[in-house]
């Protein structure tokens, strides 16, 4: 049994880790994971998840990125 690991992930890292796990589960479900390619597929899942997160960051603006004017309209900060 391998030694216990403790991770301290930032929120964005934990989101990417969850997305990676979902993608890797799809690889497992589709029976494409073998002992020989497991590490490569983990890397692929993390890479895809990071690209998805990066694309979402570019296309979707969070509430903190919008500034509300007194008149009720809003504009992007920065």
PDB file of N, CA and C in Angstrom:
ATOM      1  N   UNK A   1       0.848  -1.174   0.000  1.00  0.00           N
ATOM      2  CA  UNK A   1       0.000   0.000   0.000  1.00  0.00           C
ATOM      3  C   UNK A   1       0.895   1.238   0.000  1.00  0.00           C
ATOM      4  N   UNK A   2       0.554   2.214  -0.821  1.00  0.00           N
ATOM      5  CA  UNK A   2       1.362   3.425  -0.897  1.00  0.00           C
ATOM      6  C   UNK A   2       1.085   4.322   0.303  1.00  0.00           C
ATOM      7  N   UNK A   3       2.059   5.171   0.647  1.00  0.00           N
ATOM      8  CA  UNK A   3       1.859   6.063   1.800  1.00  0.00           C
ATOM      9  C   UNK A   3       0.734   7.069   1.526  1.00  0.00           C
ATOM     10  N   UNK A   4       0.097   7.482   2.598  1.00  0.00           N
ATOM     11  CA  UNK A   4      -1.007   8.433   2.492  1.00  0.00           C
ATOM     12  C   UNK A   4      -0.489   9.780   2.012  1.00  0.00           C
ATOM     13  N   UNK A   5      -1.243  10.420   1.106  1.00  0.00           N
ATOM     14  CA  UNK A   5      -0.852  11.727   0.593  1.00  0.00           C
ATOM     15  C   UNK A   5      -1.843  12.777   1.062  1.00  0.00           C
ATOM     16  N   UNK A   6      -1.331  13.969   1.350  1.00  0.00           N
ATOM     17  CA  UNK A   6      -2.174  15.101   1.710  1.00  0.00           C
ATOM     18  C   UNK A   6      -1.941  16.192   0.684  1.00  0.00           C
ATOM     19  N   UNK A   7      -3.013  16.649   0.055  1.00  0.00           N
ATOM     20  CA  UNK A   7      -2.921  17.701  -0.940  1.00  0.00           C
ATOM     21  C   UNK A   7      -3.606  18.959  -0.428  1.00  0.00           C
ATOM     22  N   UNK A   8      -3.069  20.080  -0.780  1.00  0.00           N
ATOM     23  CA  UNK A   8      -3.655  21.371  -0.427  1.00  0.00           C
ATOM     24  C   UNK A   8      -3.837  22.150  -1.723  1.00  0.00           C
ATOM     25  N   UNK A   9      -4.952  21.913  -2.392  1.00  0.00           N
ATOM     26  CA  UNK A   9      -5.209  22.526  -3.688  1.00  0.00           C
ATOM     27  C   UNK A   9      -5.953  23.844  -3.536  1.00  0.00           C
ATOM     28  N   UNK A  10      -5.621  24.786  -4.390  1.00  0.00           N
ATOM     29  CA  UNK A  10      -6.407  26.007  -4.497  1.00  0.00           C
ATOM     30  C   UNK A  10      -7.742  25.631  -5.146  1.00  0.00           C
ATOM     31  N   UNK A  11      -8.737  26.498  -5.032  1.00  0.00           N
ATOM     32  CA  UNK A  11     -10.052  26.181  -5.571  1.00  0.00           C
ATOM     33  C   UNK A  11      -9.985  25.871  -7.072  1.00  0.00           C
ATOM     34  N   UNK A  12      -9.294  26.695  -7.835  1.00  0.00           N
ATOM     35  CA  UNK A  12      -9.226  26.466  -9.280  1.00  0.00           C
ATOM     36  C   UNK A  12      -8.528  25.141  -9.596  1.00  0.00           C
ATOM     37  N   UNK A  13      -7.530  24.784  -8.807  1.00  0.00           N
ATOM     38  CA  UNK A  13      -6.850  23.502  -9.007  1.00  0.00           C
ATOM     39  C   UNK A  13      -7.792  22.336  -8.707  1.00  0.00           C
ATOM     40  N   UNK A  14      -8.602  22.474  -7.679  1.00  0.00           N
ATOM     41  CA  UNK A  14      -9.530  21.392  -7.344  1.00  0.00           C
ATOM     42  C   UNK A  14     -10.611  21.245  -8.414  1.00  0.00           C
ATOM     43  N   UNK A  15     -11.007  22.351  -9.031  1.00  0.00           N
ATOM     44  CA  UNK A  15     -11.983  22.283 -10.126  1.00  0.00           C
ATOM     45  C   UNK A  15     -11.377  21.539 -11.310  1.00  0.00           C
ATOM     46  N   UNK A  16     -10.135  21.877 -11.660  1.00  0.00           N
ATOM     47  CA  UNK A  16      -9.469  21.187 -12.773  1.00  0.00           C
ATOM     48  C   UNK A  16      -9.248  19.715 -12.429  1.00  0.00           C
ATOM     49  N   UNK A  17      -8.916  19.416 -11.189  1.00  0.00           N
ATOM     50  CA  UNK A  17      -8.747  18.022 -10.775  1.00  0.00           C
ATOM     51  C   UNK A  17     -10.058  17.250 -10.912  1.00  0.00           C
ATOM     52  N   UNK A  18     -11.183  17.863 -10.534  1.00  0.00           N
ATOM     53  CA  UNK A  18     -12.482  17.205 -10.665  1.00  0.00           C
ATOM     54  C   UNK A  18     -12.832  16.978 -12.133  1.00  0.00           C
ATOM     55  N   UNK A  19     -12.572  17.988 -12.962  1.00  0.00           N
ATOM     56  CA  UNK A  19     -12.823  17.832 -14.407  1.00  0.00           C
ATOM     57  C   UNK A  19     -11.943  16.714 -14.970  1.00  0.00           C
ATOM     58  N   UNK A  20     -10.691  16.647 -14.523  1.00  0.00           N
ATOM     59  CA  UNK A  20      -9.771  15.604 -14.974  1.00  0.00           C
ATOM     60  C   UNK A  20     -10.284  14.221 -14.588  1.00  0.00           C
ATOM     61  N   UNK A  21     -10.782  14.112 -13.373  1.00  0.00           N
ATOM     62  CA  UNK A  21     -11.317  12.825 -12.903  1.00  0.00           C
ATOM     63  C   UNK A  21     -12.521  12.410 -13.733  1.00  0.00           C
ATOM     64  N   UNK A  22     -13.359  13.362 -14.087  1.00  0.00           N
ATOM     65  CA  UNK A  22     -14.528  13.060 -14.915  1.00  0.00           C
ATOM     66  C   UNK A  22     -14.090  12.563 -16.291  1.00  0.00           C
ATOM     67  N   UNK A  23     -13.115  13.246 -16.882  1.00  0.00           N
ATOM     68  CA  UNK A  23     -12.603  12.821 -18.186  1.00  0.00           C
ATOM     69  C   UNK A  23     -11.947  11.442 -18.098  1.00  0.00           C
ATOM     70  N   UNK A  24     -11.131  11.225 -17.054  1.00  0.00           N
ATOM     71  CA  UNK A  24     -10.477   9.930 -16.903  1.00  0.00           C
ATOM     72  C   UNK A  24     -11.495   8.816 -16.697  1.00  0.00           C
ATOM     73  N   UNK A  25     -12.569   9.118 -15.965  1.00  0.00           N
ATOM     74  CA  UNK A  25     -13.635   8.118 -15.771  1.00  0.00           C
ATOM     75  C   UNK A  25     -14.257   7.723 -17.108  1.00  0.00           C
ATOM     76  N   UNK A  26     -14.370   8.682 -18.020  1.00  0.00           N
ATOM     77  CA  UNK A  26     -14.894   8.364 -19.350  1.00  0.00           C
ATOM     78  C   UNK A  26     -13.937   7.429 -20.091  1.00  0.00           C
ATOM     79  N   UNK A  27     -12.625   7.660 -19.938  1.00  0.00           N
ATOM     80  CA  UNK A  27     -11.656   6.745 -20.550  1.00  0.00           C
ATOM     81  C   UNK A  27     -11.806   5.332 -19.984  1.00  0.00           C
ATOM     82  N   UNK A  28     -11.980   5.244 -18.659  1.00  0.00           N
ATOM     83  CA  UNK A  28     -12.161   3.947 -18.007  1.00  0.00           C
ATOM     84  C   UNK A  28     -13.452   3.292 -18.486  1.00  0.00           C
ATOM     85  N   UNK A  29     -14.539   4.069 -18.498  1.00  0.00           N
ATOM     86  CA  UNK A  29     -15.838   3.550 -18.915  1.00  0.00           C
ATOM     87  C   UNK A  29     -15.795   3.010 -20.347  1.00  0.00           C
ATOM     88  N   UNK A  30     -15.030   3.678 -21.199  1.00  0.00           N
ATOM     89  CA  UNK A  30     -14.918   3.245 -22.591  1.00  0.00           C
ATOM     90  C   UNK A  30     -13.832   2.191 -22.798  1.00  0.00           C
ATOM     91  N   UNK A  31     -13.295   1.686 -21.710  1.00  0.00           N
ATOM     92  CA  UNK A  31     -12.328   0.589 -21.696  1.00  0.00           C
ATOM     93  C   UNK A  31     -11.099   0.867 -22.550  1.00  0.00           C
ATOM     94  N   UNK A  32     -10.582   2.084 -22.487  1.00  0.00           N
ATOM     95  CA  UNK A  32      -9.358   2.405 -23.221  1.00  0.00           C
ATOM     96  C   UNK A  32      -8.141   2.476 -22.301  1.00  0.00           C
ATOM     97  N   UNK A  33      -8.344   2.350 -20.986  1.00  0.00           N
ATOM     98  CA  UNK A  33      -7.237   2.448 -20.033  1.00  0.00           C
ATOM     99  C   UNK A  33      -6.615   1.073 -19.813  1.00  0.00           C
ATOM    100  N   UNK A  34      -5.295   1.033 -19.970  1.00  0.00           N
ATOM    101  CA  UNK A  34      -4.526  -0.171 -19.653  1.00  0.00           C
ATOM    102  C   UNK A  34      -3.401   0.249 -18.706  1.00  0.00           C
ATOM    103  N   UNK A  35      -2.717  -0.712 -18.141  1.00  0.00           N
ATOM    104  CA  UNK A  35      -1.566  -0.370 -17.296  1.00  0.00           C
ATOM    105  C   UNK A  35      -0.516   0.374 -18.098  1.00  0.00           C
ATOM    106  N   UNK A  36      -0.393   0.030 -19.374  1.00  0.00           N
ATOM    107  CA  UNK A  36       0.632   0.638 -20.219  1.00  0.00           C
ATOM    108  C   UNK A  36       0.337   2.105 -20.553  1.00  0.00           C
ATOM    109  N   UNK A  37      -0.953   2.474 -20.653  1.00  0.00           N
ATOM    110  CA  UNK A  37      -1.268   3.850 -21.062  1.00  0.00           C
ATOM    111  C   UNK A  37      -1.925   4.697 -19.980  1.00  0.00           C
ATOM    112  N   UNK A  38      -2.046   4.149 -18.769  1.00  0.00           N
ATOM    113  CA  UNK A  38      -2.742   4.865 -17.696  1.00  0.00           C
ATOM    114  C   UNK A  38      -2.145   6.246 -17.414  1.00  0.00           C
ATOM    115  N   UNK A  39      -0.827   6.329 -17.247  1.00  0.00           N
ATOM    116  CA  UNK A  39      -0.204   7.624 -16.947  1.00  0.00           C
ATOM    117  C   UNK A  39      -0.404   8.616 -18.090  1.00  0.00           C
ATOM    118  N   UNK A  40      -0.293   8.156 -19.316  1.00  0.00           N
ATOM    119  CA  UNK A  40      -0.490   9.035 -20.472  1.00  0.00           C
ATOM    120  C   UNK A  40      -1.928   9.545 -20.527  1.00  0.00           C
ATOM    121  N   UNK A  41      -2.884   8.692 -20.191  1.00  0.00           N
ATOM    122  CA  UNK A  41      -4.287   9.119 -20.208  1.00  0.00           C
ATOM    123  C   UNK A  41      -4.608  10.058 -19.048  1.00  0.00           C
ATOM    124  N   UNK A  42      -3.946   9.872 -17.907  1.00  0.00           N
ATOM    125  CA  UNK A  42      -4.105  10.827 -16.803  1.00  0.00           C
ATOM    126  C   UNK A  42      -3.586  12.197 -17.253  1.00  0.00           C
ATOM    127  N   UNK A  43      -2.401  12.209 -17.855  1.00  0.00           N
ATOM    128  CA  UNK A  43      -1.847  13.471 -18.357  1.00  0.00           C
ATOM    129  C   UNK A  43      -2.774  14.106 -19.388  1.00  0.00           C
ATOM    130  N   UNK A  44      -3.331  13.287 -20.264  1.00  0.00           N
ATOM    131  CA  UNK A  44      -4.244  13.797 -21.295  1.00  0.00           C
ATOM    132  C   UNK A  44      -5.492  14.391 -20.654  1.00  0.00           C
ATOM    133  N   UNK A  45      -6.052  13.720 -19.656  1.00  0.00           N
ATOM    134  CA  UNK A  45      -7.255  14.216 -18.975  1.00  0.00           C
ATOM    135  C   UNK A  45      -6.981  15.558 -18.295  1.00  0.00           C
ATOM    136  N   UNK A  46      -5.832  15.684 -17.624  1.00  0.00           N
ATOM    137  CA  UNK A  46      -5.479  16.936 -16.949  1.00  0.00           C
ATOM    138  C   UNK A  46      -5.263  18.044 -17.989  1.00  0.00           C
ATOM    139  N   UNK A  47      -4.611  17.712 -19.087  1.00  0.00           N
ATOM    140  CA  UNK A  47      -4.371  18.692 -20.142  1.00  0.00           C
ATOM    141  C   UNK A  47      -5.676  19.195 -20.746  1.00  0.00           C
ATOM    142  N   UNK A  48      -6.594  18.290 -21.034  1.00  0.00           N
ATOM    143  CA  UNK A  48      -7.890  18.685 -21.589  1.00  0.00           C
ATOM    144  C   UNK A  48      -8.647  19.542 -20.580  1.00  0.00           C
ATOM    145  N   UNK A  49      -8.653  19.132 -19.324  1.00  0.00           N
ATOM    146  CA  UNK A  49      -9.360  19.894 -18.275  1.00  0.00           C
ATOM    147  C   UNK A  49      -8.783  21.302 -18.139  1.00  0.00           C
ATOM    148  N   UNK A  50      -7.465  21.426 -18.183  1.00  0.00           N
ATOM    149  CA  UNK A  50      -6.829  22.736 -18.080  1.00  0.00           C
ATOM    150  C   UNK A  50      -7.191  23.606 -19.283  1.00  0.00           C
ATOM    151  N   UNK A  51      -7.234  23.010 -20.460  1.00  0.00           N
ATOM    152  CA  UNK A  51      -7.624  23.766 -21.657  1.00  0.00           C
ATOM    153  C   UNK A  51      -9.073  24.212 -21.557  1.00  0.00           C
ATOM    154  N   UNK A  52      -9.946  23.346 -21.073  1.00  0.00           N
ATOM    155  CA  UNK A  52     -11.351  23.720 -20.893  1.00  0.00           C
ATOM    156  C   UNK A  52     -11.487  24.870 -19.896  1.00  0.00           C
ATOM    157  N   UNK A  53     -10.768  24.790 -18.786  1.00  0.00           N
ATOM    158  CA  UNK A  53     -10.824  25.845 -17.772  1.00  0.00           C
ATOM    159  C   UNK A  53     -10.282  27.159 -18.325  1.00  0.00           C
ATOM    160  N   UNK A  54      -9.198  27.084 -19.079  1.00  0.00           N
ATOM    161  CA  UNK A  54      -8.610  28.280 -19.671  1.00  0.00           C
ATOM    162  C   UNK A  54      -9.569  28.927 -20.672  1.00  0.00           C
ATOM    163  N   UNK A  55     -10.203  28.105 -21.477  1.00  0.00           N
ATOM    164  CA  UNK A  55     -11.163  28.622 -22.451  1.00  0.00           C
ATOM    165  C   UNK A  55     -12.353  29.257 -21.750  1.00  0.00           C
ATOM    166  N   UNK A  56     -12.831  28.631 -20.680  1.00  0.00           N
ATOM    167  CA  UNK A  56     -13.955  29.195 -19.921  1.00  0.00           C
ATOM    168  C   UNK A  56     -13.554  30.534 -19.305  1.00  0.00           C
ATOM    169  N   UNK A  57     -12.320  30.626 -18.807  1.00  0.00           N
ATOM    170  CA  UNK A  57     -11.833  31.870 -18.211  1.00  0.00           C
ATOM    171  C   UNK A  57     -11.846  33.007 -19.223  1.00  0.00           C
ATOM    172  N   UNK A  58     -11.506  32.689 -20.475  1.00  0.00           N
ATOM    173  CA  UNK A  58     -11.480  33.706 -21.528  1.00  0.00           C
ATOM    174  C   UNK A  58     -12.883  34.123 -21.961  1.00  0.00           C
ATOM    175  N   UNK A  59     -13.816  33.183 -21.961  1.00  0.00           N
ATOM    176  CA  UNK A  59     -15.142  33.435 -22.531  1.00  0.00           C
ATOM    177  C   UNK A  59     -16.210  33.836 -21.522  1.00  0.00           C
ATOM    178  N   UNK A  60     -16.038  33.439 -20.263  1.00  0.00           N
ATOM    179  CA  UNK A  60     -17.066  33.681 -19.251  1.00  0.00           C
ATOM    180  C   UNK A  60     -16.514  34.652 -18.212  1.00  0.00           C
ATOM    181  N   UNK A  61     -17.260  35.694 -17.922  1.00  0.00           N
ATOM    182  CA  UNK A  61     -16.841  36.679 -16.933  1.00  0.00           C
ATOM    183  C   UNK A  61     -17.598  36.445 -15.629  1.00  0.00           C
ATOM    184  N   UNK A  62     -16.855  36.399 -14.531  1.00  0.00           N
ATOM    185  CA  UNK A  62     -17.468  36.168 -13.221  1.00  0.00           C
ATOM    186  C   UNK A  62     -18.109  37.452 -12.705  1.00  0.00           C
ATOM    187  N   UNK A  63     -18.898  37.322 -11.661  1.00  0.00           N
ATOM    188  CA  UNK A  63     -19.555  38.480 -11.048  1.00  0.00           C
ATOM    189  C   UNK A  63     -18.542  39.526 -10.598  1.00  0.00           C
ATOM    190  N   UNK A  64     -17.360  39.097 -10.143  1.00  0.00           N
ATOM    191  CA  UNK A  64     -16.354  40.033  -9.655  1.00  0.00           C
ATOM    192  C   UNK A  64     -15.716  40.841 -10.790  1.00  0.00           C
ATOM    193  N   UNK A  65     -15.870  40.392 -12.032  1.00  0.00           N
ATOM    194  CA  UNK A  65     -15.277  41.086 -13.161  1.00  0.00           C
ATOM    195  C   UNK A  65     -16.207  42.164 -13.744  1.00  0.00           C
ATOM    196  N   UNK A  66     -17.420  42.235 -13.245  1.00  0.00           N
ATOM    197  CA  UNK A  66     -18.390  43.231 -13.701  1.00  0.00           C
ATOM    198  C   UNK A  66     -18.528  44.311 -12.636  1.00  0.00           C
ATOM    199  N   UNK A  67     -18.649  45.559 -13.062  1.00  0.00           N
ATOM    200  CA  UNK A  67     -18.842  46.677 -12.146  1.00  0.00           C
ATOM    201  C   UNK A  67     -20.221  47.268 -12.403  1.00  0.00           C
ATOM    202  N   UNK A  68     -20.993  47.423 -11.344  1.00  0.00           N
ATOM    203  CA  UNK A  68     -22.346  47.981 -11.440  1.00  0.00           C
ATOM    204  C   UNK A  68     -22.279  49.497 -11.262  1.00  0.00           C
ATOM    205  N   UNK A  69     -22.768  50.234 -12.249  1.00  0.00           N
ATOM    206  CA  UNK A  69     -22.856  51.692 -12.134  1.00  0.00           C
ATOM    207  C   UNK A  69     -24.070  52.047 -11.290  1.00  0.00           C
ATOM    208  N   UNK A  70     -24.078  53.265 -10.741  1.00  0.00           N
ATOM    209  CA  UNK A  70     -25.208  53.702  -9.926  1.00  0.00           C
ATOM    210  C   UNK A  70     -26.506  53.708 -10.724  1.00  0.00           C
ATOM    211  N   UNK A  71     -26.429  54.001 -12.017  1.00  0.00           N
ATOM    212  CA  UNK A  71     -27.621  54.055 -12.846  1.00  0.00           C
ATOM    213  C   UNK A  71     -28.203  52.692 -13.191  1.00  0.00           C
ATOM    214  N   UNK A  72     -27.515  51.615 -12.785  1.00  0.00           N
ATOM    215  CA  UNK A  72     -28.035  50.274 -13.009  1.00  0.00           C
ATOM    216  C   UNK A  72     -27.311  49.500 -14.094  1.00  0.00           C
ATOM    217  N   UNK A  73     -26.603  50.191 -14.998  1.00  0.00           N
ATOM    218  CA  UNK A  73     -25.889  49.462 -16.040  1.00  0.00           C
ATOM    219  C   UNK A  73     -24.570  48.908 -15.482  1.00  0.00           C
ATOM    220  N   UNK A  74     -23.988  47.990 -16.223  1.00  0.00           N
ATOM    221  CA  UNK A  74     -22.750  47.347 -15.780  1.00  0.00           C
ATOM    222  C   UNK A  74     -21.705  47.421 -16.895  1.00  0.00           C
ATOM    223  N   UNK A  75     -20.432  47.310 -16.508  1.00  0.00           N
ATOM    224  CA  UNK A  75     -19.347  47.231 -17.479  1.00  0.00           C
ATOM    225  C   UNK A  75     -18.267  46.318 -16.920  1.00  0.00           C
ATOM    226  N   UNK A  76     -17.431  45.808 -17.825  1.00  0.00           N
ATOM    227  CA  UNK A  76     -16.340  44.920 -17.418  1.00  0.00           C
ATOM    228  C   UNK A  76     -15.232  45.704 -16.754  1.00  0.00           C
ATOM    229  N   UNK A  77     -14.739  45.157 -15.655  1.00  0.00           N
ATOM    230  CA  UNK A  77     -13.615  45.751 -14.947  1.00  0.00           C
ATOM    231  C   UNK A  77     -12.337  45.458 -15.714  1.00  0.00           C
ATOM    232  N   UNK A  78     -11.460  46.457 -15.820  1.00  0.00           N
ATOM    233  CA  UNK A  78     -10.163  46.252 -16.455  1.00  0.00           C
ATOM    234  C   UNK A  78     -10.236  46.435 -17.885  1.00  0.00           C
TER     235      UNK A  78
END
